[in-house]
């Protein structure tokens, strides 16, 4: 029982304080909407298929020009979806 409690506390602490250790720092994403310099993104898995574990990310700003459907590499600052940055387009 104590082992289960320690495991639950550890997972809770990881998710709350160290999310960047559980989520890869660089991910593939598909551009799903463009409005000016803001983009909505759907995170993809390694096979470049939509990853259902992640919600869509809205209003990610970039000074680069992307087209609808482009696949880009994004970084998540400290593992937070609210701090996503587009790094470059995947060729």
N, C-alpha and C. Protein backbone atom coordinates (compact mmCIF):
# COMPACT_ATOMS: atom_id res chain seq x y z
N UNK A 1 0.81 -1.18 0.00
CA UNK A 1 0.00 0.00 0.00
C UNK A 1 0.87 1.27 0.00
N UNK A 2 1.91 1.27 0.77
CA UNK A 2 2.78 2.45 0.82
C UNK A 2 3.48 2.64 -0.52
N UNK A 3 3.79 1.54 -1.18
CA UNK A 3 4.42 1.62 -2.51
C UNK A 3 3.49 2.30 -3.52
N UNK A 4 2.21 1.98 -3.47
CA UNK A 4 1.21 2.59 -4.35
C UNK A 4 1.09 4.08 -4.06
N UNK A 5 1.10 4.45 -2.79
CA UNK A 5 1.00 5.84 -2.40
C UNK A 5 2.22 6.64 -2.87
N UNK A 6 3.41 6.08 -2.71
CA UNK A 6 4.63 6.76 -3.15
C UNK A 6 4.63 6.91 -4.67
N UNK A 7 4.19 5.87 -5.37
CA UNK A 7 4.12 5.92 -6.84
C UNK A 7 3.17 7.02 -7.30
N UNK A 8 2.02 7.13 -6.67
CA UNK A 8 1.03 8.16 -7.03
C UNK A 8 1.58 9.56 -6.74
N UNK A 9 2.23 9.74 -5.61
CA UNK A 9 2.82 11.04 -5.26
C UNK A 9 3.91 11.43 -6.25
N UNK A 10 4.74 10.46 -6.62
CA UNK A 10 5.83 10.71 -7.55
C UNK A 10 5.29 11.13 -8.92
N UNK A 11 4.28 10.42 -9.41
CA UNK A 11 3.68 10.77 -10.70
C UNK A 11 3.03 12.14 -10.64
N UNK A 12 2.40 12.46 -9.54
CA UNK A 12 1.77 13.77 -9.38
C UNK A 12 2.83 14.87 -9.39
N UNK A 13 3.90 14.66 -8.69
CA UNK A 13 4.99 15.64 -8.64
C UNK A 13 5.62 15.82 -10.02
N UNK A 14 5.84 14.74 -10.73
CA UNK A 14 6.40 14.83 -12.09
C UNK A 14 5.49 15.64 -13.00
N UNK A 15 4.22 15.35 -12.98
CA UNK A 15 3.28 16.05 -13.84
C UNK A 15 3.14 17.52 -13.51
N UNK A 16 3.23 17.85 -12.24
CA UNK A 16 3.04 19.23 -11.80
C UNK A 16 4.32 20.06 -11.92
N UNK A 17 5.42 19.56 -11.47
CA UNK A 17 6.65 20.34 -11.38
C UNK A 17 7.65 20.07 -12.50
N UNK A 18 7.58 18.90 -13.10
CA UNK A 18 8.59 18.53 -14.09
C UNK A 18 7.98 17.96 -15.36
N UNK A 19 6.93 18.62 -15.85
CA UNK A 19 6.23 18.14 -17.05
C UNK A 19 7.18 18.04 -18.24
N UNK A 20 8.18 18.91 -18.28
CA UNK A 20 9.14 18.89 -19.39
C UNK A 20 9.95 17.60 -19.43
N UNK A 21 9.99 16.84 -18.36
CA UNK A 21 10.70 15.56 -18.37
C UNK A 21 9.83 14.43 -18.95
N UNK A 22 8.52 14.60 -18.91
CA UNK A 22 7.60 13.56 -19.40
C UNK A 22 7.21 13.76 -20.85
N UNK A 23 7.27 15.00 -21.33
CA UNK A 23 6.88 15.32 -22.71
C UNK A 23 8.15 15.62 -23.50
N UNK A 24 8.30 15.05 -24.70
CA UNK A 24 9.49 15.36 -25.49
C UNK A 24 9.60 16.87 -25.72
N UNK A 25 10.82 17.37 -25.75
CA UNK A 25 11.00 18.82 -25.90
C UNK A 25 10.77 19.28 -27.33
N UNK A 26 10.95 18.40 -28.31
CA UNK A 26 10.68 18.71 -29.71
C UNK A 26 9.69 17.72 -30.27
N UNK A 27 8.69 18.23 -31.01
CA UNK A 27 7.64 17.38 -31.55
C UNK A 27 7.30 17.80 -32.97
N UNK A 28 6.70 16.88 -33.71
CA UNK A 28 6.10 17.22 -35.00
C UNK A 28 4.71 17.79 -34.74
N UNK A 29 4.29 18.72 -35.59
CA UNK A 29 2.92 19.25 -35.50
C UNK A 29 2.46 19.63 -36.91
N UNK A 30 1.15 19.54 -37.14
CA UNK A 30 0.57 19.93 -38.42
C UNK A 30 -0.16 21.25 -38.23
N UNK A 31 0.03 22.17 -39.18
CA UNK A 31 -0.66 23.46 -39.14
C UNK A 31 -2.10 23.21 -39.58
N UNK A 32 -3.06 23.53 -38.68
CA UNK A 32 -4.47 23.27 -38.96
C UNK A 32 -5.28 24.54 -39.22
N UNK A 33 -4.73 25.69 -38.84
CA UNK A 33 -5.41 26.96 -39.08
C UNK A 33 -4.37 28.07 -39.06
N UNK A 34 -4.57 29.06 -39.93
CA UNK A 34 -3.67 30.20 -40.00
C UNK A 34 -4.50 31.48 -39.94
N UNK A 35 -4.07 32.39 -39.09
CA UNK A 35 -4.72 33.70 -39.00
C UNK A 35 -3.62 34.72 -38.77
N UNK A 36 -3.22 35.39 -39.85
CA UNK A 36 -2.10 36.33 -39.75
C UNK A 36 -0.82 35.59 -39.44
N UNK A 37 -0.18 35.93 -38.31
CA UNK A 37 1.04 35.22 -37.92
C UNK A 37 0.78 34.22 -36.80
N UNK A 38 -0.49 33.88 -36.56
CA UNK A 38 -0.85 32.89 -35.56
C UNK A 38 -1.32 31.60 -36.22
N UNK A 39 -0.90 30.48 -35.64
CA UNK A 39 -1.19 29.17 -36.20
C UNK A 39 -1.80 28.26 -35.14
N UNK A 40 -2.75 27.44 -35.54
CA UNK A 40 -3.24 26.36 -34.69
C UNK A 40 -2.52 25.10 -35.13
N UNK A 41 -2.12 24.28 -34.15
CA UNK A 41 -1.31 23.10 -34.44
C UNK A 41 -1.91 21.85 -33.83
N UNK A 42 -1.76 20.74 -34.54
CA UNK A 42 -2.12 19.42 -34.01
C UNK A 42 -0.81 18.65 -33.85
N UNK A 43 -0.50 18.23 -32.64
CA UNK A 43 0.73 17.49 -32.40
C UNK A 43 0.62 16.12 -33.05
N UNK A 44 1.74 15.68 -33.63
CA UNK A 44 1.82 14.40 -34.33
C UNK A 44 2.77 13.46 -33.59
N UNK A 45 2.61 12.16 -33.83
CA UNK A 45 3.56 11.21 -33.26
C UNK A 45 4.75 11.05 -34.20
N UNK A 46 5.65 10.13 -33.91
CA UNK A 46 6.85 9.94 -34.73
C UNK A 46 6.53 9.55 -36.17
N UNK A 47 5.38 8.93 -36.38
CA UNK A 47 4.97 8.52 -37.73
C UNK A 47 4.23 9.63 -38.46
N UNK A 48 4.15 10.80 -37.83
CA UNK A 48 3.48 11.98 -38.37
C UNK A 48 1.97 11.79 -38.51
N UNK A 49 1.40 11.05 -37.55
CA UNK A 49 -0.04 10.83 -37.44
C UNK A 49 -0.50 11.58 -36.19
N UNK A 50 -1.70 12.16 -36.23
CA UNK A 50 -2.22 12.93 -35.10
C UNK A 50 -2.10 12.14 -33.79
N UNK A 51 -1.53 12.76 -32.80
CA UNK A 51 -1.34 12.14 -31.48
C UNK A 51 -2.51 12.55 -30.59
N UNK A 52 -3.39 11.61 -30.30
CA UNK A 52 -4.63 11.90 -29.56
C UNK A 52 -4.38 12.22 -28.08
N UNK A 53 -3.16 12.02 -27.61
CA UNK A 53 -2.85 12.34 -26.21
C UNK A 53 -2.77 13.85 -25.97
N UNK A 54 -2.64 14.62 -27.06
CA UNK A 54 -2.47 16.06 -26.94
C UNK A 54 -3.64 16.80 -27.59
N UNK A 55 -4.10 17.87 -26.96
CA UNK A 55 -5.13 18.70 -27.59
C UNK A 55 -4.50 19.58 -28.67
N UNK A 56 -5.33 20.17 -29.50
CA UNK A 56 -4.81 21.13 -30.47
C UNK A 56 -4.27 22.34 -29.71
N UNK A 57 -3.23 22.94 -30.26
CA UNK A 57 -2.64 24.13 -29.66
C UNK A 57 -3.05 25.32 -30.51
N UNK A 58 -3.63 26.32 -29.89
CA UNK A 58 -4.14 27.48 -30.61
C UNK A 58 -3.21 28.68 -30.49
N UNK A 59 -3.25 29.52 -31.54
CA UNK A 59 -2.62 30.84 -31.53
C UNK A 59 -1.12 30.83 -31.25
N UNK A 60 -0.40 29.94 -31.91
CA UNK A 60 1.06 29.90 -31.79
C UNK A 60 1.62 30.88 -32.80
N UNK A 61 2.32 31.89 -32.33
CA UNK A 61 2.85 32.93 -33.21
C UNK A 61 4.16 32.51 -33.86
N UNK A 62 4.34 32.97 -35.09
CA UNK A 62 5.59 32.74 -35.82
C UNK A 62 5.76 33.82 -36.86
N UNK A 63 6.99 34.25 -37.06
CA UNK A 63 7.27 35.23 -38.10
C UNK A 63 7.51 34.55 -39.45
N UNK A 64 7.63 33.23 -39.45
CA UNK A 64 7.80 32.47 -40.69
C UNK A 64 6.45 32.23 -41.35
N UNK A 65 6.49 31.95 -42.65
CA UNK A 65 5.27 31.71 -43.41
C UNK A 65 5.09 30.21 -43.60
N UNK A 66 3.92 29.70 -43.20
CA UNK A 66 3.58 28.29 -43.36
C UNK A 66 2.24 28.18 -44.07
N UNK A 67 2.02 27.05 -44.72
CA UNK A 67 0.76 26.79 -45.39
C UNK A 67 -0.07 25.82 -44.55
N UNK A 68 -1.36 25.85 -44.77
CA UNK A 68 -2.26 24.92 -44.11
C UNK A 68 -1.83 23.50 -44.44
N UNK A 69 -1.69 22.65 -43.46
CA UNK A 69 -1.29 21.26 -43.67
C UNK A 69 0.21 21.02 -43.57
N UNK A 70 1.01 22.09 -43.51
CA UNK A 70 2.46 21.92 -43.35
C UNK A 70 2.77 21.20 -42.05
N UNK A 71 3.82 20.40 -42.08
CA UNK A 71 4.32 19.75 -40.86
C UNK A 71 5.52 20.54 -40.40
N UNK A 72 5.51 20.91 -39.12
CA UNK A 72 6.58 21.72 -38.54
C UNK A 72 7.13 21.02 -37.30
N UNK A 73 8.31 21.43 -36.90
CA UNK A 73 8.88 20.99 -35.64
C UNK A 73 8.61 22.08 -34.63
N UNK A 74 8.09 21.69 -33.47
CA UNK A 74 7.81 22.67 -32.42
C UNK A 74 8.58 22.31 -31.16
N UNK A 75 8.83 23.32 -30.37
CA UNK A 75 9.43 23.12 -29.06
C UNK A 75 8.44 23.56 -28.00
N UNK A 76 8.43 22.85 -26.89
CA UNK A 76 7.55 23.19 -25.77
C UNK A 76 8.43 23.64 -24.61
N UNK A 77 8.41 24.93 -24.35
CA UNK A 77 9.23 25.48 -23.29
C UNK A 77 8.75 24.92 -21.95
N UNK A 78 9.65 24.24 -21.24
CA UNK A 78 9.36 23.59 -19.96
C UNK A 78 8.20 22.59 -20.06
N UNK A 79 7.99 22.02 -21.26
CA UNK A 79 6.98 21.00 -21.45
C UNK A 79 5.55 21.51 -21.44
N UNK A 80 5.35 22.81 -21.54
CA UNK A 80 4.01 23.39 -21.44
C UNK A 80 3.44 23.65 -22.84
N UNK A 81 2.24 23.13 -23.08
CA UNK A 81 1.58 23.35 -24.37
C UNK A 81 1.29 24.83 -24.59
N UNK A 82 1.12 25.57 -23.53
CA UNK A 82 0.86 27.00 -23.65
C UNK A 82 2.11 27.79 -24.05
N UNK A 83 3.26 27.14 -24.07
CA UNK A 83 4.52 27.80 -24.43
C UNK A 83 5.15 27.11 -25.63
N UNK A 84 4.34 26.86 -26.66
CA UNK A 84 4.82 26.18 -27.88
C UNK A 84 5.44 27.21 -28.83
N UNK A 85 6.54 26.82 -29.46
CA UNK A 85 7.22 27.67 -30.43
C UNK A 85 7.51 26.85 -31.68
N UNK A 86 7.21 27.42 -32.84
CA UNK A 86 7.50 26.74 -34.10
C UNK A 86 8.96 26.98 -34.43
N UNK A 87 9.69 25.90 -34.68
CA UNK A 87 11.12 26.00 -34.97
C UNK A 87 11.37 26.08 -36.48
N UNK A 88 10.82 25.11 -37.21
CA UNK A 88 10.99 25.12 -38.66
C UNK A 88 10.03 24.14 -39.32
N UNK A 89 9.88 24.29 -40.63
CA UNK A 89 9.06 23.39 -41.43
C UNK A 89 9.86 22.13 -41.74
N UNK A 90 9.18 20.99 -41.72
CA UNK A 90 9.80 19.71 -42.04
C UNK A 90 9.74 19.55 -43.55
N UNK A 91 10.85 19.24 -44.17
CA UNK A 91 10.87 19.07 -45.63
C UNK A 91 10.74 17.63 -46.03
